[in-house]
Amino acid sequence: MKAMVFAAGQGQRLRPLTDRTPKAMVPVAGRPMIEYPLLLLRRYGIREIVINLHHLGEQIEAYLGDGAKLGLKISYSKETELLDTGGGLLRAKPFLQEGTFIVINADVLIDLPLAELIDFHRAKKAAATLALRPDEQADRYGSIDIDSQERIYRFLQAKRPVAPTGSTTKLMFTGVQVLEPKIFAYMPANGGAEKFGTTRDTYPAMLLAEEKLFGFRFEGFWQDLGTPERITEAEDKLARKEAGLHYL
């Protein structure tokens, strides 16, 4: 299985740290934040990884190289302008289109049992499975509803055309997902030259087509690293052993 790590973001909320350092290289508890998703993938035997680059991306490439020092095989998808999640994914299609693959955001810490997520995805025969978590601020950041069979019923404002099974639960995306190449059929056929989002554009289209989209509920340690305050909070939790990452 292959994977993609999203690392092209400009990190505007982390300025001035990101004026001269790419967001994915900002240190968190003694290592660049991008190392965490890479080590999570390695823990589960996923070693062929593509990373998309934009803002100061040459620093990421210089640090990671071909991935050998981490026991990985890393390649890069360079974006001259930011293509958002959908455009970035489509640009990397030649690397990912052969089978099931993982996508992880570089700016989250998550103690996710990745094998369980993959097994869940396969058992459901899903086209896409998103790791979701309960959060009181889900509506603020964009909530996703799943029904009693874990099938996604609503993405933001888009809903499945049929009624949900049982009651629905409102959750929030963690930044980790398992996808099938089928997702590319719901993207523009331009080879990744257009800016568009998966949650804003691709998944709603798949939802309306009644593709099998599922949510894997995760309630373990998770934290985004989008602001200096959030990074400090994550470091404090790790230092006090209030949270741990099993793959370190």
C-alpha atoms as a PDB file:
ATOM      1  CA  MET A   1       0.000   0.000   0.000  1.00  0.00           C
ATOM      2  CA  LYS A   2       1.166   3.526  -0.801  1.00  0.00           C
ATOM      3  CA  ALA A   3       0.456   6.814   0.935  1.00  0.00           C
ATOM      4  CA  MET A   4       0.402  10.561   0.412  1.00  0.00           C
ATOM      5  CA  VAL A   5       1.258  13.211   2.984  1.00  0.00           C
ATOM      6  CA  PHE A   6      -0.175  16.683   2.418  1.00  0.00           C
ATOM      7  CA  ALA A   7       2.628  19.150   3.180  1.00  0.00           C
ATOM      8  CA  ALA A   8       2.148  22.003   0.701  1.00  0.00           C
ATOM      9  CA  GLY A   9       0.369  24.428   3.047  1.00  0.00           C
ATOM     10  CA  GLN A  10       1.736  27.901   3.704  1.00  0.00           C
ATOM     11  CA  GLY A  11       1.107  27.784   7.446  1.00  0.00           C
ATOM     12  CA  GLN A  12      -0.276  31.297   7.659  1.00  0.00           C
ATOM     13  CA  ARG A  13      -1.484  30.851  11.250  1.00  0.00           C
ATOM     14  CA  LEU A  14       2.072  29.883  12.249  1.00  0.00           C
ATOM     15  CA  ARG A  15       3.692  33.069  11.020  1.00  0.00           C
ATOM     16  CA  PRO A  16       6.342  34.367  11.596  1.00  0.00           C
ATOM     17  CA  LEU A  17       7.633  30.790  12.107  1.00  0.00           C
ATOM     18  CA  THR A  18       6.676  29.905   8.554  1.00  0.00           C
ATOM     19  CA  ASP A  19       8.115  33.003   6.889  1.00  0.00           C
ATOM     20  CA  ARG A  20      11.375  31.124   6.404  1.00  0.00           C
ATOM     21  CA  THR A  21      10.446  27.579   7.376  1.00  0.00           C
ATOM     22  CA  PRO A  22       7.813  25.413   5.671  1.00  0.00           C
ATOM     23  CA  LYS A  23       4.941  24.491   7.957  1.00  0.00           C
ATOM     24  CA  ALA A  24       5.774  20.784   7.801  1.00  0.00           C
ATOM     25  CA  MET A  25       9.288  21.482   9.113  1.00  0.00           C
ATOM     26  CA  VAL A  26       8.200  23.438  12.199  1.00  0.00           C
ATOM     27  CA  PRO A  27       9.512  21.480  15.209  1.00  0.00           C
ATOM     28  CA  VAL A  28       7.106  19.718  17.568  1.00  0.00           C
ATOM     29  CA  ALA A  29       8.584  18.021  20.637  1.00  0.00           C
ATOM     30  CA  GLY A  30      12.026  17.875  19.092  1.00  0.00           C
ATOM     31  CA  ARG A  31      11.270  16.745  15.550  1.00  0.00           C
ATOM     32  CA  PRO A  32       9.738  18.342  12.412  1.00  0.00           C
ATOM     33  CA  MET A  33       5.989  17.811  12.448  1.00  0.00           C
ATOM     34  CA  ILE A  34       6.077  15.918   9.152  1.00  0.00           C
ATOM     35  CA  GLU A  35       8.037  13.100  10.774  1.00  0.00           C
ATOM     36  CA  TYR A  36       5.019  12.049  12.835  1.00  0.00           C
ATOM     37  CA  PRO A  37       2.788  10.928   9.936  1.00  0.00           C
ATOM     38  CA  LEU A  38       5.817   9.360   8.250  1.00  0.00           C
ATOM     39  CA  LEU A  39       6.642   7.317  11.351  1.00  0.00           C
ATOM     40  CA  LEU A  40       3.001   6.298  11.737  1.00  0.00           C
ATOM     41  CA  LEU A  41       2.985   4.974   8.185  1.00  0.00           C
ATOM     42  CA  ARG A  42       6.296   3.190   8.668  1.00  0.00           C
ATOM     43  CA  ARG A  43       4.998   1.489  11.815  1.00  0.00           C
ATOM     44  CA  TYR A  44       2.371  -0.241   9.670  1.00  0.00           C
ATOM     45  CA  GLY A  45       4.693  -1.196   6.848  1.00  0.00           C
ATOM     46  CA  ILE A  46       3.682   1.574   4.455  1.00  0.00           C
ATOM     47  CA  ARG A  47       6.974   2.789   3.026  1.00  0.00           C
ATOM     48  CA  GLU A  48       6.231   4.173  -0.450  1.00  0.00           C
ATOM     49  CA  ILE A  49       5.089   7.732   0.138  1.00  0.00           C
ATOM     50  CA  VAL A  50       4.571  10.815  -1.991  1.00  0.00           C
ATOM     51  CA  ILE A  51       4.656  14.276  -0.387  1.00  0.00           C
ATOM     52  CA  ASN A  52       3.230  17.346  -2.092  1.00  0.00           C
ATOM     53  CA  LEU A  53       5.324  20.502  -1.873  1.00  0.00           C
ATOM     54  CA  HIS A  54       4.758  24.223  -2.397  1.00  0.00           C
ATOM     55  CA  HIS A  55       5.802  26.849   0.155  1.00  0.00           C
ATOM     56  CA  LEU A  56       9.562  26.463   0.776  1.00  0.00           C
ATOM     57  CA  GLY A  57       9.178  22.855  -0.280  1.00  0.00           C
ATOM     58  CA  GLU A  58      12.847  22.541  -1.158  1.00  0.00           C
ATOM     59  CA  GLN A  59      13.628  22.534   2.572  1.00  0.00           C
ATOM     60  CA  ILE A  60      11.390  19.505   3.114  1.00  0.00           C
ATOM     61  CA  GLU A  61      13.001  17.688   0.214  1.00  0.00           C
ATOM     62  CA  ALA A  62      16.510  18.562   1.429  1.00  0.00           C
ATOM     63  CA  TYR A  63      15.730  17.229   4.918  1.00  0.00           C
ATOM     64  CA  LEU A  64      13.954  14.005   3.954  1.00  0.00           C
ATOM     65  CA  GLY A  65      15.708  13.240   0.700  1.00  0.00           C
ATOM     66  CA  ASP A  66      14.610   9.916  -0.719  1.00  0.00           C
ATOM     67  CA  GLY A  67      13.430   8.799   2.727  1.00  0.00           C
ATOM     68  CA  ALA A  68      16.191   6.229   3.240  1.00  0.00           C
ATOM     69  CA  LYS A  69      17.235   7.623   6.624  1.00  0.00           C
ATOM     70  CA  LEU A  70      13.730   6.860   7.929  1.00  0.00           C
ATOM     71  CA  GLY A  71      13.527   3.508   6.175  1.00  0.00           C
ATOM     72  CA  LEU A  72      11.101   4.906   3.600  1.00  0.00           C
ATOM     73  CA  LYS A  73      10.943   5.501  -0.127  1.00  0.00           C
ATOM     74  CA  ILE A  74       9.800   9.090  -0.623  1.00  0.00           C
ATOM     75  CA  SER A  75       8.956  10.919  -3.834  1.00  0.00           C
ATOM     76  CA  TYR A  76       7.598  14.430  -4.301  1.00  0.00           C
ATOM     77  CA  SER A  77       4.732  16.112  -6.107  1.00  0.00           C
ATOM     78  CA  LYS A  78       5.610  19.764  -6.627  1.00  0.00           C
ATOM     79  CA  GLU A  79       2.911  22.394  -6.978  1.00  0.00           C
ATOM     80  CA  THR A  80       3.872  25.726  -8.522  1.00  0.00           C
ATOM     81  CA  GLU A  81       0.657  27.080  -7.046  1.00  0.00           C
ATOM     82  CA  LEU A  82      -1.410  25.578  -4.268  1.00  0.00           C
ATOM     83  CA  LEU A  83      -3.919  23.097  -5.672  1.00  0.00           C
ATOM     84  CA  ASP A  84      -5.864  22.378  -2.449  1.00  0.00           C
ATOM     85  CA  THR A  85      -6.496  18.806  -1.325  1.00  0.00           C
ATOM     86  CA  GLY A  86      -8.322  17.654  -4.447  1.00  0.00           C
ATOM     87  CA  GLY A  87      -5.953  19.206  -6.935  1.00  0.00           C
ATOM     88  CA  GLY A  88      -2.955  17.980  -4.967  1.00  0.00           C
ATOM     89  CA  LEU A  89      -4.328  14.454  -4.862  1.00  0.00           C
ATOM     90  CA  LEU A  90      -5.086  14.470  -8.578  1.00  0.00           C
ATOM     91  CA  ARG A  91      -1.559  15.693  -9.363  1.00  0.00           C
ATOM     92  CA  ALA A  92      -0.233  12.607  -7.546  1.00  0.00           C
ATOM     93  CA  LYS A  93      -2.609  10.218  -9.344  1.00  0.00           C
ATOM     94  CA  PRO A  94       0.149   8.423 -11.321  1.00  0.00           C
ATOM     95  CA  PHE A  95       1.737   7.379  -8.016  1.00  0.00           C
ATOM     96  CA  LEU A  96      -1.491   6.387  -6.268  1.00  0.00           C
ATOM     97  CA  GLN A  97      -3.805   4.917  -8.893  1.00  0.00           C
ATOM     98  CA  GLU A  98      -2.754   1.264  -8.624  1.00  0.00           C
ATOM     99  CA  GLY A  99      -4.674   0.357  -5.474  1.00  0.00           C
ATOM    100  CA  THR A 100      -5.873   1.300  -1.992  1.00  0.00           C
ATOM    101  CA  PHE A 101      -3.866   4.181  -0.501  1.00  0.00           C
ATOM    102  CA  ILE A 102      -3.627   6.322   2.641  1.00  0.00           C
ATOM    103  CA  VAL A 103      -3.691  10.119   2.804  1.00  0.00           C
ATOM    104  CA  ILE A 104      -2.551  11.996   5.930  1.00  0.00           C
ATOM    105  CA  ASN A 105      -2.231  15.697   6.700  1.00  0.00           C
ATOM    106  CA  ALA A 106       1.235  16.693   7.885  1.00  0.00           C
ATOM    107  CA  ASP A 107      -0.095  19.049  10.564  1.00  0.00           C
ATOM    108  CA  VAL A 108      -1.791  16.628  12.970  1.00  0.00           C
ATOM    109  CA  LEU A 109      -0.658  14.371  15.780  1.00  0.00           C
ATOM    110  CA  ILE A 110      -2.755  11.243  16.054  1.00  0.00           C
ATOM    111  CA  ASP A 111      -2.306   7.994  17.962  1.00  0.00           C
ATOM    112  CA  LEU A 112      -4.299   6.068  15.406  1.00  0.00           C
ATOM    113  CA  PRO A 113      -4.313   2.252  15.105  1.00  0.00           C
ATOM    114  CA  LEU A 114      -3.878   2.423  11.352  1.00  0.00           C
ATOM    115  CA  ALA A 115      -4.338  -1.329  10.803  1.00  0.00           C
ATOM    116  CA  GLU A 116      -7.820  -1.103  12.341  1.00  0.00           C
ATOM    117  CA  LEU A 117      -8.724   1.747  10.000  1.00  0.00           C
ATOM    118  CA  ILE A 118      -7.548  -0.246   6.971  1.00  0.00           C
ATOM    119  CA  ASP A 119      -9.380  -3.391   8.110  1.00  0.00           C
ATOM    120  CA  PHE A 120     -12.558  -1.357   8.625  1.00  0.00           C
ATOM    121  CA  HIS A 121     -12.224   0.127   5.134  1.00  0.00           C
ATOM    122  CA  ARG A 122     -11.806  -3.290   3.545  1.00  0.00           C
ATOM    123  CA  ALA A 123     -14.631  -4.872   5.531  1.00  0.00           C
ATOM    124  CA  LYS A 124     -17.001  -2.133   4.388  1.00  0.00           C
ATOM    125  CA  LYS A 125     -15.756  -2.391   0.778  1.00  0.00           C
ATOM    126  CA  ALA A 126     -15.585   1.385   0.918  1.00  0.00           C
ATOM    127  CA  ALA A 127     -14.563   3.794  -1.799  1.00  0.00           C
ATOM    128  CA  ALA A 128     -13.350   6.162   0.915  1.00  0.00           C
ATOM    129  CA  THR A 129     -13.054   5.886   4.680  1.00  0.00           C
ATOM    130  CA  LEU A 130     -12.312   8.920   6.804  1.00  0.00           C
ATOM    131  CA  ALA A 131     -11.072   8.712  10.371  1.00  0.00           C
ATOM    132  CA  LEU A 132     -13.507  10.900  12.324  1.00  0.00           C
ATOM    133  CA  ARG A 133     -13.584  12.058  15.907  1.00  0.00           C
ATOM    134  CA  PRO A 134     -16.113  13.641  18.263  1.00  0.00           C
ATOM    135  CA  ASP A 135     -15.450  17.319  18.887  1.00  0.00           C
ATOM    136  CA  GLU A 136     -17.581  20.023  20.479  1.00  0.00           C
ATOM    137  CA  GLN A 137     -16.387  22.459  17.804  1.00  0.00           C
ATOM    138  CA  ALA A 138     -17.200  20.198  14.860  1.00  0.00           C
ATOM    139  CA  ASP A 139     -19.701  22.677  13.425  1.00  0.00           C
ATOM    140  CA  ARG A 140     -17.152  25.469  13.557  1.00  0.00           C
ATOM    141  CA  TYR A 141     -14.578  23.564  11.525  1.00  0.00           C
ATOM    142  CA  GLY A 142     -16.929  21.528   9.321  1.00  0.00           C
ATOM    143  CA  SER A 143     -18.851  18.556  10.656  1.00  0.00           C
ATOM    144  CA  ILE A 144     -19.576  15.213   8.999  1.00  0.00           C
ATOM    145  CA  ASP A 145     -22.524  12.995   9.916  1.00  0.00           C
ATOM    146  CA  ILE A 146     -22.445   9.191   9.958  1.00  0.00           C
ATOM    147  CA  ASP A 147     -25.413   6.881  10.434  1.00  0.00           C
ATOM    148  CA  SER A 148     -25.743   3.802  12.643  1.00  0.00           C
ATOM    149  CA  GLN A 149     -23.861   1.693  10.068  1.00  0.00           C
ATOM    150  CA  GLU A 150     -20.948   4.177   9.982  1.00  0.00           C
ATOM    151  CA  ARG A 151     -21.874   5.277   6.480  1.00  0.00           C
ATOM    152  CA  ILE A 152     -21.358   8.970   5.843  1.00  0.00           C
ATOM    153  CA  TYR A 153     -24.725  10.678   5.454  1.00  0.00           C
ATOM    154  CA  ARG A 154     -23.646  14.331   5.265  1.00  0.00           C
ATOM    155  CA  PHE A 155     -20.527  16.209   4.168  1.00  0.00           C
ATOM    156  CA  LEU A 156     -20.824  19.864   5.165  1.00  0.00           C
ATOM    157  CA  GLN A 157     -24.023  20.870   3.307  1.00  0.00           C
ATOM    158  CA  ALA A 158     -24.239  17.866   0.958  1.00  0.00           C
ATOM    159  CA  LYS A 159     -26.408  14.887   1.945  1.00  0.00           C
ATOM    160  CA  ARG A 160     -26.966  11.398   0.590  1.00  0.00           C
ATOM    161  CA  PRO A 161     -30.119  11.246  -1.508  1.00  0.00           C
ATOM    162  CA  VAL A 162     -31.536   8.449   0.678  1.00  0.00           C
ATOM    163  CA  ALA A 163     -32.405   8.589   4.360  1.00  0.00           C
ATOM    164  CA  PRO A 164     -29.762   7.512   6.902  1.00  0.00           C
ATOM    165  CA  THR A 165     -29.932   4.152   8.634  1.00  0.00           C
ATOM    166  CA  GLY A 166     -30.871   4.828  12.247  1.00  0.00           C
ATOM    167  CA  SER A 167     -29.745   7.953  14.043  1.00  0.00           C
ATOM    168  CA  THR A 168     -26.836  10.103  12.891  1.00  0.00           C
ATOM    169  CA  THR A 169     -23.752  11.213  14.799  1.00  0.00           C
ATOM    170  CA  LYS A 170     -21.909  14.473  14.158  1.00  0.00           C
ATOM    171  CA  LEU A 171     -18.113  14.102  13.982  1.00  0.00           C
ATOM    172  CA  MET A 172     -15.047  15.947  12.691  1.00  0.00           C
ATOM    173  CA  PHE A 173     -12.363  14.856  10.219  1.00  0.00           C
ATOM    174  CA  THR A 174      -8.977  13.967  11.723  1.00  0.00           C
ATOM    175  CA  GLY A 175      -6.931  14.410   8.541  1.00  0.00           C
ATOM    176  CA  VAL A 176      -6.413  10.664   7.937  1.00  0.00           C
ATOM    177  CA  GLN A 177      -8.242   8.722   5.229  1.00  0.00           C
ATOM    178  CA  VAL A 178      -8.115   5.488   3.233  1.00  0.00           C
ATOM    179  CA  LEU A 179      -9.073   5.791  -0.422  1.00  0.00           C
ATOM    180  CA  GLU A 180      -9.633   3.723  -3.521  1.00  0.00           C
ATOM    181  CA  PRO A 181      -8.557   4.921  -6.989  1.00  0.00           C
ATOM    182  CA  LYS A 182     -12.280   5.238  -7.763  1.00  0.00           C
ATOM    183  CA  ILE A 183     -12.062   8.694  -6.204  1.00  0.00           C
ATOM    184  CA  PHE A 184     -10.238   9.985  -9.294  1.00  0.00           C
ATOM    185  CA  ALA A 185     -13.357   9.375 -11.406  1.00  0.00           C
ATOM    186  CA  TYR A 186     -14.985  12.221  -9.477  1.00  0.00           C
ATOM    187  CA  MET A 187     -12.213  14.697 -10.236  1.00  0.00           C
ATOM    188  CA  PRO A 188     -11.560  16.904 -13.290  1.00  0.00           C
ATOM    189  CA  ALA A 189      -9.781  15.069 -16.100  1.00  0.00           C
ATOM    190  CA  ASN A 190      -6.977  17.598 -16.366  1.00  0.00           C
ATOM    191  CA  GLY A 191      -4.112  15.817 -14.634  1.00  0.00           C
ATOM    192  CA  GLY A 192      -4.116  17.978 -11.500  1.00  0.00           C
ATOM    193  CA  ALA A 193      -3.886  21.470 -12.933  1.00  0.00           C
ATOM    194  CA  GLU A 194      -6.986  22.789 -11.197  1.00  0.00           C
ATOM    195  CA  LYS A 195      -7.503  23.879  -7.612  1.00  0.00           C
ATOM    196  CA  PHE A 196     -10.354  22.109  -5.806  1.00  0.00           C
ATOM    197  CA  GLY A 197     -11.032  20.409  -2.482  1.00  0.00           C
ATOM    198  CA  THR A 198     -11.967  16.833  -1.690  1.00  0.00           C
ATOM    199  CA  THR A 199     -14.397  17.646   1.144  1.00  0.00           C
ATOM    200  CA  ARG A 200     -15.842  20.627  -0.709  1.00  0.00           C
ATOM    201  CA  ASP A 201     -16.097  19.141  -4.208  1.00  0.00           C
ATOM    202  CA  THR A 202     -15.159  15.462  -4.582  1.00  0.00           C
ATOM    203  CA  TYR A 203     -16.839  13.816  -1.611  1.00  0.00           C
ATOM    204  CA  PRO A 204     -20.180  15.609  -2.047  1.00  0.00           C
ATOM    205  CA  ALA A 205     -20.258  14.365  -5.659  1.00  0.00           C
ATOM    206  CA  MET A 206     -19.499  10.816  -4.495  1.00  0.00           C
ATOM    207  CA  LEU A 207     -22.143  11.126  -1.800  1.00  0.00           C
ATOM    208  CA  LEU A 208     -24.817  12.114  -4.298  1.00  0.00           C
ATOM    209  CA  ALA A 209     -23.782   9.167  -6.485  1.00  0.00           C
ATOM    210  CA  GLU A 210     -24.248   6.910  -3.425  1.00  0.00           C
ATOM    211  CA  GLU A 211     -20.668   5.690  -3.416  1.00  0.00           C
ATOM    212  CA  LYS A 212     -19.659   3.807  -0.281  1.00  0.00           C
ATOM    213  CA  LEU A 213     -18.225   6.504   1.985  1.00  0.00           C
ATOM    214  CA  PHE A 214     -17.655   5.540   5.606  1.00  0.00           C
ATOM    215  CA  GLY A 215     -16.493   7.144   8.818  1.00  0.00           C
ATOM    216  CA  PHE A 216     -14.171   5.280  11.178  1.00  0.00           C
ATOM    217  CA  ARG A 217     -14.818   6.631  14.661  1.00  0.00           C
ATOM    218  CA  PHE A 218     -11.621   7.408  16.573  1.00  0.00           C
ATOM    219  CA  GLU A 219     -11.559   8.653  20.161  1.00  0.00           C
ATOM    220  CA  GLY A 220      -7.853   8.488  21.009  1.00  0.00           C
ATOM    221  CA  PHE A 221      -5.264  11.247  21.159  1.00  0.00           C
ATOM    222  CA  TRP A 222      -5.469  13.770  18.319  1.00  0.00           C
ATOM    223  CA  GLN A 223      -4.356  17.338  17.986  1.00  0.00           C
ATOM    224  CA  ASP A 224      -3.905  19.701  15.107  1.00  0.00           C
ATOM    225  CA  LEU A 225      -0.678  21.709  14.894  1.00  0.00           C
ATOM    226  CA  GLY A 226      -1.987  24.737  13.045  1.00  0.00           C
ATOM    227  CA  THR A 227      -1.046  27.445  15.561  1.00  0.00           C
ATOM    228  CA  PRO A 228       1.829  28.058  18.012  1.00  0.00           C
ATOM    229  CA  GLU A 229      -0.625  27.574  20.877  1.00  0.00           C
ATOM    230  CA  ARG A 230      -1.740  24.189  19.573  1.00  0.00           C
ATOM    231  CA  ILE A 231       1.852  23.061  19.149  1.00  0.00           C
ATOM    232  CA  THR A 232       2.657  24.100  22.721  1.00  0.00           C
ATOM    233  CA  GLU A 233      -0.441  22.280  23.966  1.00  0.00           C
ATOM    234  CA  ALA A 234       0.587  19.104  22.137  1.00  0.00           C
ATOM    235  CA  GLU A 235       4.130  19.294  23.487  1.00  0.00           C
ATOM    236  CA  ASP A 236       2.866  19.787  27.033  1.00  0.00           C
ATOM    237  CA  LYS A 237       0.552  16.763  26.780  1.00  0.00           C
ATOM    238  CA  LEU A 238       3.370  14.588  25.491  1.00  0.00           C
ATOM    239  CA  ALA A 239       5.816  15.843  28.122  1.00  0.00           C
ATOM    240  CA  ARG A 240       3.350  15.227  30.955  1.00  0.00           C
ATOM    241  CA  LYS A 241       2.522  11.820  29.440  1.00  0.00           C
ATOM    242  CA  GLU A 242      -1.138  12.797  29.241  1.00  0.00           C
ATOM    243  CA  ALA A 243      -0.903  11.505  25.681  1.00  0.00           C
ATOM    244  CA  GLY A 244       1.388   9.143  23.833  1.00  0.00           C
ATOM    245  CA  LEU A 245       2.149   8.054  20.304  1.00  0.00           C
ATOM    246  CA  HIS A 246       2.578   4.289  20.021  1.00  0.00           C
ATOM    247  CA  TYR A 247       4.661   4.472  16.853  1.00  0.00           C
ATOM    248  CA  LEU A 248       7.561   6.490  18.299  1.00  0.00           C
END
